[in-house]
Amino acid sequence: MVEQTLYLIQAFSESTRGRLLSDAPIRCISERAARRGAEILAGTKAGVMAISMHGDFRDAGSEMRTEILFSAGRIPEELGLF
């Protein structure tokens, strides 16, 4: 079992009908990079969050620990993170 931490930025754009659309996730090399990138995108996106995921990514049955590092704007409720 090899545990790793993955840092991601997930941004959301707004459709012409006002629905939130997920942008492609951005993988970051560090917590600081994820936070800073999300802070920058917060000025241009409907919503954005930086998250860290920790666990064994090679084991499909492994439990992942997710932490929200930063969030701003509108985040879809169906993600169940808030």
N, C-alpha and C. Protein backbone atom coordinates (compact mmCIF):
# COMPACT_ATOMS: atom_id res chain seq x y z
N MET A 1 0.84 -1.17 0.00
CA MET A 1 0.00 0.00 0.00
C MET A 1 0.89 1.24 0.00
N VAL A 2 0.71 2.08 -1.01
CA VAL A 2 1.47 3.31 -1.14
C VAL A 2 0.49 4.48 -1.14
N GLU A 3 0.50 5.23 -0.05
CA GLU A 3 -0.40 6.38 0.03
C GLU A 3 0.27 7.60 -0.58
N GLN A 4 -0.54 8.38 -1.27
CA GLN A 4 -0.07 9.60 -1.92
C GLN A 4 -1.09 10.71 -1.66
N THR A 5 -0.66 11.94 -1.86
CA THR A 5 -1.56 13.08 -1.80
C THR A 5 -1.61 13.73 -3.17
N LEU A 6 -2.83 13.97 -3.63
CA LEU A 6 -3.06 14.60 -4.92
C LEU A 6 -3.72 15.95 -4.66
N TYR A 7 -3.21 16.99 -5.31
CA TYR A 7 -3.76 18.33 -5.17
C TYR A 7 -4.41 18.73 -6.48
N LEU A 8 -5.67 19.17 -6.40
CA LEU A 8 -6.44 19.51 -7.59
C LEU A 8 -7.13 20.85 -7.44
N ILE A 9 -7.31 21.51 -8.58
CA ILE A 9 -8.20 22.67 -8.67
C ILE A 9 -9.37 22.24 -9.53
N GLN A 10 -10.58 22.48 -9.04
CA GLN A 10 -11.77 22.22 -9.84
C GLN A 10 -12.52 23.53 -9.97
N ALA A 11 -12.64 24.00 -11.21
CA ALA A 11 -13.35 25.25 -11.49
C ALA A 11 -14.68 24.93 -12.15
N PHE A 12 -15.60 25.87 -12.05
CA PHE A 12 -16.93 25.73 -12.63
C PHE A 12 -17.28 26.98 -13.41
N SER A 13 -17.79 26.76 -14.62
CA SER A 13 -18.26 27.84 -15.48
C SER A 13 -19.78 27.84 -15.44
N GLU A 14 -20.38 28.95 -15.82
CA GLU A 14 -21.83 29.04 -15.84
C GLU A 14 -22.32 28.99 -17.29
N SER A 15 -23.31 28.13 -17.55
CA SER A 15 -23.88 28.02 -18.89
C SER A 15 -24.79 29.22 -19.15
N THR A 16 -25.24 29.35 -20.38
CA THR A 16 -26.14 30.46 -20.72
C THR A 16 -27.47 30.34 -19.99
N ARG A 17 -27.80 29.15 -19.51
CA ARG A 17 -29.03 28.93 -18.73
C ARG A 17 -28.79 29.03 -17.23
N GLY A 18 -27.58 29.39 -16.82
CA GLY A 18 -27.28 29.57 -15.41
C GLY A 18 -26.88 28.30 -14.67
N ARG A 19 -26.67 27.20 -15.39
CA ARG A 19 -26.25 25.95 -14.76
C ARG A 19 -24.74 25.93 -14.64
N LEU A 20 -24.26 25.26 -13.59
CA LEU A 20 -22.81 25.13 -13.40
C LEU A 20 -22.28 23.96 -14.20
N LEU A 21 -21.19 24.20 -14.89
CA LEU A 21 -20.52 23.18 -15.69
C LEU A 21 -19.12 23.00 -15.15
N SER A 22 -18.70 21.76 -14.97
CA SER A 22 -17.35 21.47 -14.47
C SER A 22 -16.32 21.68 -15.56
N ASP A 23 -15.29 22.44 -15.25
CA ASP A 23 -14.14 22.56 -16.15
C ASP A 23 -13.26 21.34 -15.92
N ALA A 24 -12.28 21.15 -16.78
CA ALA A 24 -11.33 20.05 -16.58
C ALA A 24 -10.54 20.32 -15.29
N PRO A 25 -10.36 19.30 -14.45
CA PRO A 25 -9.59 19.51 -13.23
C PRO A 25 -8.12 19.80 -13.56
N ILE A 26 -7.50 20.58 -12.71
CA ILE A 26 -6.09 20.95 -12.88
C ILE A 26 -5.30 20.31 -11.75
N ARG A 27 -4.34 19.48 -12.09
CA ARG A 27 -3.49 18.83 -11.09
C ARG A 27 -2.35 19.77 -10.71
N CYS A 28 -2.08 19.88 -9.42
CA CYS A 28 -1.05 20.80 -8.92
C CYS A 28 0.03 20.01 -8.19
N ILE A 29 1.20 20.62 -8.07
CA ILE A 29 2.33 19.91 -7.46
C ILE A 29 2.38 20.07 -5.94
N SER A 30 1.60 21.02 -5.40
CA SER A 30 1.65 21.24 -3.96
C SER A 30 0.34 21.87 -3.48
N GLU A 31 0.16 21.86 -2.17
CA GLU A 31 -1.00 22.51 -1.57
C GLU A 31 -0.98 24.01 -1.88
N ARG A 32 0.19 24.60 -1.76
CA ARG A 32 0.33 26.04 -2.02
C ARG A 32 -0.05 26.38 -3.46
N ALA A 33 0.40 25.58 -4.40
CA ALA A 33 0.09 25.82 -5.81
C ALA A 33 -1.41 25.68 -6.07
N ALA A 34 -2.05 24.71 -5.43
CA ALA A 34 -3.49 24.52 -5.61
C ALA A 34 -4.27 25.70 -5.04
N ARG A 35 -3.90 26.14 -3.84
CA ARG A 35 -4.57 27.29 -3.23
C ARG A 35 -4.40 28.55 -4.09
N ARG A 36 -3.18 28.81 -4.50
CA ARG A 36 -2.90 30.03 -5.26
C ARG A 36 -3.60 30.01 -6.61
N GLY A 37 -3.56 28.86 -7.28
CA GLY A 37 -4.25 28.75 -8.57
C GLY A 37 -5.74 28.96 -8.44
N ALA A 38 -6.34 28.40 -7.40
CA ALA A 38 -7.77 28.58 -7.18
C ALA A 38 -8.10 30.03 -6.85
N GLU A 39 -7.25 30.68 -6.06
CA GLU A 39 -7.47 32.09 -5.74
C GLU A 39 -7.46 32.95 -7.01
N ILE A 40 -6.54 32.64 -7.92
CA ILE A 40 -6.47 33.39 -9.18
C ILE A 40 -7.71 33.15 -10.03
N LEU A 41 -8.13 31.89 -10.14
CA LEU A 41 -9.30 31.57 -10.96
C LEU A 41 -10.60 32.10 -10.36
N ALA A 42 -10.63 32.35 -9.06
CA ALA A 42 -11.84 32.83 -8.40
C ALA A 42 -12.35 34.13 -9.01
N GLY A 43 -11.46 34.91 -9.59
CA GLY A 43 -11.88 36.16 -10.20
C GLY A 43 -12.50 36.02 -11.58
N THR A 44 -12.39 34.83 -12.16
CA THR A 44 -12.87 34.65 -13.54
C THR A 44 -13.89 33.52 -13.71
N LYS A 45 -14.11 32.73 -12.68
CA LYS A 45 -15.00 31.56 -12.78
C LYS A 45 -16.22 31.74 -11.90
N ALA A 46 -17.30 31.02 -12.22
CA ALA A 46 -18.52 31.06 -11.40
C ALA A 46 -18.24 30.46 -10.02
N GLY A 47 -17.36 29.48 -9.97
CA GLY A 47 -16.97 28.85 -8.72
C GLY A 47 -15.66 28.11 -8.90
N VAL A 48 -14.94 27.92 -7.81
CA VAL A 48 -13.67 27.22 -7.87
C VAL A 48 -13.35 26.66 -6.49
N MET A 49 -12.68 25.52 -6.48
CA MET A 49 -12.20 24.98 -5.22
C MET A 49 -10.87 24.27 -5.44
N ALA A 50 -10.05 24.32 -4.40
CA ALA A 50 -8.80 23.57 -4.37
C ALA A 50 -9.00 22.46 -3.35
N ILE A 51 -8.65 21.24 -3.71
CA ILE A 51 -8.83 20.11 -2.81
C ILE A 51 -7.56 19.26 -2.75
N SER A 52 -7.43 18.54 -1.66
CA SER A 52 -6.39 17.53 -1.57
C SER A 52 -7.08 16.19 -1.35
N MET A 53 -6.53 15.17 -1.96
CA MET A 53 -7.04 13.81 -1.80
C MET A 53 -5.87 12.95 -1.37
N HIS A 54 -6.05 12.20 -0.29
CA HIS A 54 -4.97 11.39 0.24
C HIS A 54 -5.43 9.94 0.36
N GLY A 55 -4.63 9.03 -0.15
CA GLY A 55 -4.95 7.61 -0.05
C GLY A 55 -4.10 6.80 -1.01
N ASP A 56 -4.45 5.53 -1.13
CA ASP A 56 -3.76 4.63 -2.06
C ASP A 56 -4.56 4.61 -3.36
N PHE A 57 -4.10 5.34 -4.35
CA PHE A 57 -4.82 5.50 -5.60
C PHE A 57 -4.81 4.23 -6.45
N ARG A 58 -3.93 3.30 -6.16
CA ARG A 58 -3.87 2.05 -6.93
C ARG A 58 -4.86 1.02 -6.41
N ASP A 59 -5.38 1.21 -5.20
CA ASP A 59 -6.32 0.28 -4.59
C ASP A 59 -7.72 0.86 -4.68
N ALA A 60 -8.54 0.30 -5.58
CA ALA A 60 -9.90 0.81 -5.80
C ALA A 60 -10.76 0.77 -4.54
N GLY A 61 -10.46 -0.12 -3.61
CA GLY A 61 -11.23 -0.23 -2.38
C GLY A 61 -10.72 0.65 -1.25
N SER A 62 -9.65 1.37 -1.51
CA SER A 62 -9.04 2.22 -0.49
C SER A 62 -9.90 3.44 -0.21
N GLU A 63 -9.94 3.83 1.05
CA GLU A 63 -10.69 5.03 1.43
C GLU A 63 -9.83 6.26 1.15
N MET A 64 -10.42 7.24 0.48
CA MET A 64 -9.74 8.49 0.18
C MET A 64 -10.18 9.54 1.19
N ARG A 65 -9.22 10.29 1.68
CA ARG A 65 -9.53 11.41 2.56
C ARG A 65 -9.43 12.68 1.72
N THR A 66 -10.52 13.42 1.69
CA THR A 66 -10.58 14.64 0.89
C THR A 66 -10.68 15.85 1.81
N GLU A 67 -9.91 16.87 1.52
CA GLU A 67 -9.94 18.11 2.29
C GLU A 67 -10.10 19.28 1.33
N ILE A 68 -11.02 20.16 1.64
CA ILE A 68 -11.19 21.38 0.85
C ILE A 68 -10.19 22.40 1.37
N LEU A 69 -9.31 22.84 0.50
CA LEU A 69 -8.27 23.79 0.87
C LEU A 69 -8.71 25.23 0.67
N PHE A 70 -9.57 25.45 -0.34
CA PHE A 70 -10.03 26.78 -0.69
C PHE A 70 -11.29 26.62 -1.51
N SER A 71 -12.26 27.50 -1.32
CA SER A 71 -13.43 27.54 -2.20
C SER A 71 -13.95 28.96 -2.30
N ALA A 72 -14.50 29.27 -3.46
CA ALA A 72 -15.07 30.59 -3.70
C ALA A 72 -16.15 30.46 -4.75
N GLY A 73 -17.15 31.29 -4.66
CA GLY A 73 -18.21 31.30 -5.66
C GLY A 73 -19.18 30.15 -5.49
N ARG A 74 -19.80 29.77 -6.59
CA ARG A 74 -20.82 28.72 -6.58
C ARG A 74 -20.18 27.35 -6.80
N ILE A 75 -20.50 26.43 -5.89
CA ILE A 75 -20.03 25.04 -5.98
C ILE A 75 -21.29 24.17 -6.05
N PRO A 76 -21.36 23.23 -7.00
CA PRO A 76 -22.56 22.40 -7.11
C PRO A 76 -22.87 21.64 -5.82
N GLU A 77 -24.11 21.73 -5.37
CA GLU A 77 -24.54 21.06 -4.13
C GLU A 77 -24.43 19.54 -4.26
N GLU A 78 -24.61 19.01 -5.45
CA GLU A 78 -24.59 17.55 -5.63
C GLU A 78 -23.23 16.93 -5.37
N LEU A 79 -22.19 17.73 -5.23
CA LEU A 79 -20.89 17.19 -4.87
C LEU A 79 -20.88 16.72 -3.42
N GLY A 80 -21.78 17.26 -2.60
CA GLY A 80 -21.90 16.83 -1.21
C GLY A 80 -20.70 17.20 -0.35
N LEU A 81 -20.02 18.26 -0.70
CA LEU A 81 -18.83 18.65 0.04
C LEU A 81 -19.12 19.67 1.14
N PHE A 82 -20.27 20.31 1.07
CA PHE A 82 -20.58 21.35 2.06
C PHE A 82 -21.84 21.01 2.81
